[in-house]
């Protein structure tokens, strides 16, 4: 099994939404999210529920629970065994907020455009 390369998405201004999210978490949750990211790196597209779930249009969520707190980290795959982690949030409702999914899709488009332009 090939290890996947995990990369945190950076916006055009250089900021990294997932780092901002990770920095906002309490220590135990942050450690658990980072362990899940390592599991994702090891298993890639073989990682399934309850750890990972497809949300549609190529966006997936990494699911992390610590006590009664639930965190989600959104990501997508790029050809060549690469995973781009876009954003994260604390889950407060039954469904994943559409705004978070839309943000991940927007970041995916931005990433792909930049990638396309760098190969020209």
Protein backbone atom coordinates (compact mmCIF):
# COMPACT_ATOMS: atom_id res chain seq x y z
CA UNK A 1 0.00 0.00 0.00
CA UNK A 2 1.37 3.38 -1.02
CA UNK A 3 1.46 6.21 1.51
CA UNK A 4 -0.42 9.32 0.50
CA UNK A 5 1.09 12.78 0.72
CA UNK A 6 -1.03 15.11 2.85
CA UNK A 7 -0.87 18.83 2.18
CA UNK A 8 -2.71 21.64 3.96
CA UNK A 9 -4.42 24.02 1.56
CA UNK A 10 -3.11 27.60 1.55
CA UNK A 11 -5.17 30.51 0.32
CA UNK A 12 -3.70 32.99 -2.15
CA UNK A 13 -2.78 35.29 0.76
CA UNK A 14 -0.70 32.48 2.30
CA UNK A 15 -3.03 31.74 5.22
CA UNK A 16 -3.91 28.14 5.99
CA UNK A 17 -7.51 27.59 7.15
CA UNK A 18 -6.86 24.13 8.59
CA UNK A 19 -3.88 25.33 10.68
CA UNK A 20 -6.08 28.13 12.06
CA UNK A 21 -8.70 25.50 12.91
CA UNK A 22 -6.18 23.13 14.53
CA UNK A 23 -4.75 25.98 16.61
CA UNK A 24 -8.26 26.71 17.93
CA UNK A 25 -8.75 23.18 19.29
CA UNK A 26 -8.08 22.08 22.83
CA UNK A 27 -5.03 19.84 23.24
CA UNK A 28 -6.70 16.39 23.32
CA UNK A 29 -8.92 17.11 20.29
CA UNK A 30 -5.99 18.55 18.34
CA UNK A 31 -3.90 15.44 19.07
CA UNK A 32 -6.76 13.19 17.98
CA UNK A 33 -7.32 15.16 14.74
CA UNK A 34 -3.59 14.94 13.95
CA UNK A 35 -3.65 11.16 14.59
CA UNK A 36 -6.62 10.86 12.20
CA UNK A 37 -4.72 12.83 9.55
CA UNK A 38 -1.84 10.34 9.95
CA UNK A 39 -4.34 7.48 9.53
CA UNK A 40 -5.64 9.18 6.37
CA UNK A 41 -2.07 9.56 5.09
CA UNK A 42 -1.49 5.83 5.62
CA UNK A 43 -4.83 4.56 4.25
CA UNK A 44 -5.84 7.25 1.73
CA UNK A 45 -8.90 6.32 -0.27
CA UNK A 46 -9.20 3.01 1.63
CA UNK A 47 -10.22 4.87 4.80
CA UNK A 48 -13.98 4.44 5.30
CA UNK A 49 -16.71 5.17 7.83
CA UNK A 50 -16.70 5.80 10.73
CA UNK A 51 -13.42 7.66 10.08
CA UNK A 52 -14.07 9.15 6.66
CA UNK A 53 -17.18 9.89 4.64
CA UNK A 54 -17.73 11.13 1.07
CA UNK A 55 -19.79 14.32 0.95
CA UNK A 56 -20.07 14.53 -2.84
CA UNK A 57 -18.28 16.32 -5.68
CA UNK A 58 -14.94 14.88 -4.58
CA UNK A 59 -15.09 16.33 -1.05
CA UNK A 60 -14.62 14.04 1.95
CA UNK A 61 -14.77 14.57 5.70
CA UNK A 62 -12.43 13.15 8.30
CA UNK A 63 -14.52 12.43 11.39
CA UNK A 64 -13.07 12.90 14.87
CA UNK A 65 -14.81 12.55 18.22
CA UNK A 66 -13.30 13.43 21.60
CA UNK A 67 -15.73 12.97 24.47
CA UNK A 68 -18.91 14.78 23.43
CA UNK A 69 -17.04 17.08 21.02
CA UNK A 70 -17.06 16.32 17.31
CA UNK A 71 -14.64 17.81 14.79
CA UNK A 72 -14.61 17.48 11.04
CA UNK A 73 -11.78 18.15 8.63
CA UNK A 74 -12.63 18.37 4.92
CA UNK A 75 -10.33 17.21 2.15
CA UNK A 76 -10.05 16.04 -1.45
CA UNK A 77 -7.75 13.81 -3.47
CA UNK A 78 -5.38 14.88 -6.24
CA UNK A 79 -3.93 12.48 -8.81
CA UNK A 80 -0.63 11.06 -7.63
CA UNK A 81 -1.56 9.88 -4.14
CA UNK A 82 -2.02 13.37 -2.76
CA UNK A 83 -4.60 14.60 -0.26
CA UNK A 84 -5.37 18.28 0.21
CA UNK A 85 -6.91 19.18 3.56
CA UNK A 86 -8.96 22.34 3.14
CA UNK A 87 -10.78 23.37 6.30
CA UNK A 88 -12.13 22.13 9.61
CA UNK A 89 -14.89 22.92 12.05
CA UNK A 90 -16.51 21.84 15.30
CA UNK A 91 -19.69 19.98 14.46
CA UNK A 92 -22.72 21.29 16.34
CA UNK A 93 -25.57 19.96 14.19
CA UNK A 94 -26.59 16.55 12.85
CA UNK A 95 -25.67 17.46 9.28
CA UNK A 96 -22.40 18.86 8.00
CA UNK A 97 -23.05 22.58 7.39
CA UNK A 98 -23.43 23.30 3.67
CA UNK A 99 -21.31 26.45 4.07
CA UNK A 100 -18.32 24.31 5.15
CA UNK A 101 -18.77 21.98 2.16
CA UNK A 102 -19.04 24.98 -0.19
CA UNK A 103 -15.85 26.42 1.30
CA UNK A 104 -14.02 23.12 0.67
CA UNK A 105 -15.29 23.10 -2.94
CA UNK A 106 -14.14 26.70 -3.42
CA UNK A 107 -10.69 25.85 -2.05
CA UNK A 108 -10.53 22.80 -4.33
CA UNK A 109 -11.25 24.96 -7.41
CA UNK A 110 -8.65 27.51 -6.26
CA UNK A 111 -6.06 24.75 -5.70
CA UNK A 112 -6.71 23.12 -9.08
CA UNK A 113 -6.45 26.46 -10.93
CA UNK A 114 -3.14 27.22 -9.26
CA UNK A 115 -1.89 23.70 -10.00
CA UNK A 116 -2.94 24.02 -13.65
CA UNK A 117 -1.22 27.40 -13.99
CA UNK A 118 2.01 26.11 -12.45
CA UNK A 119 2.20 23.32 -15.07
CA UNK A 120 1.88 25.65 -18.07
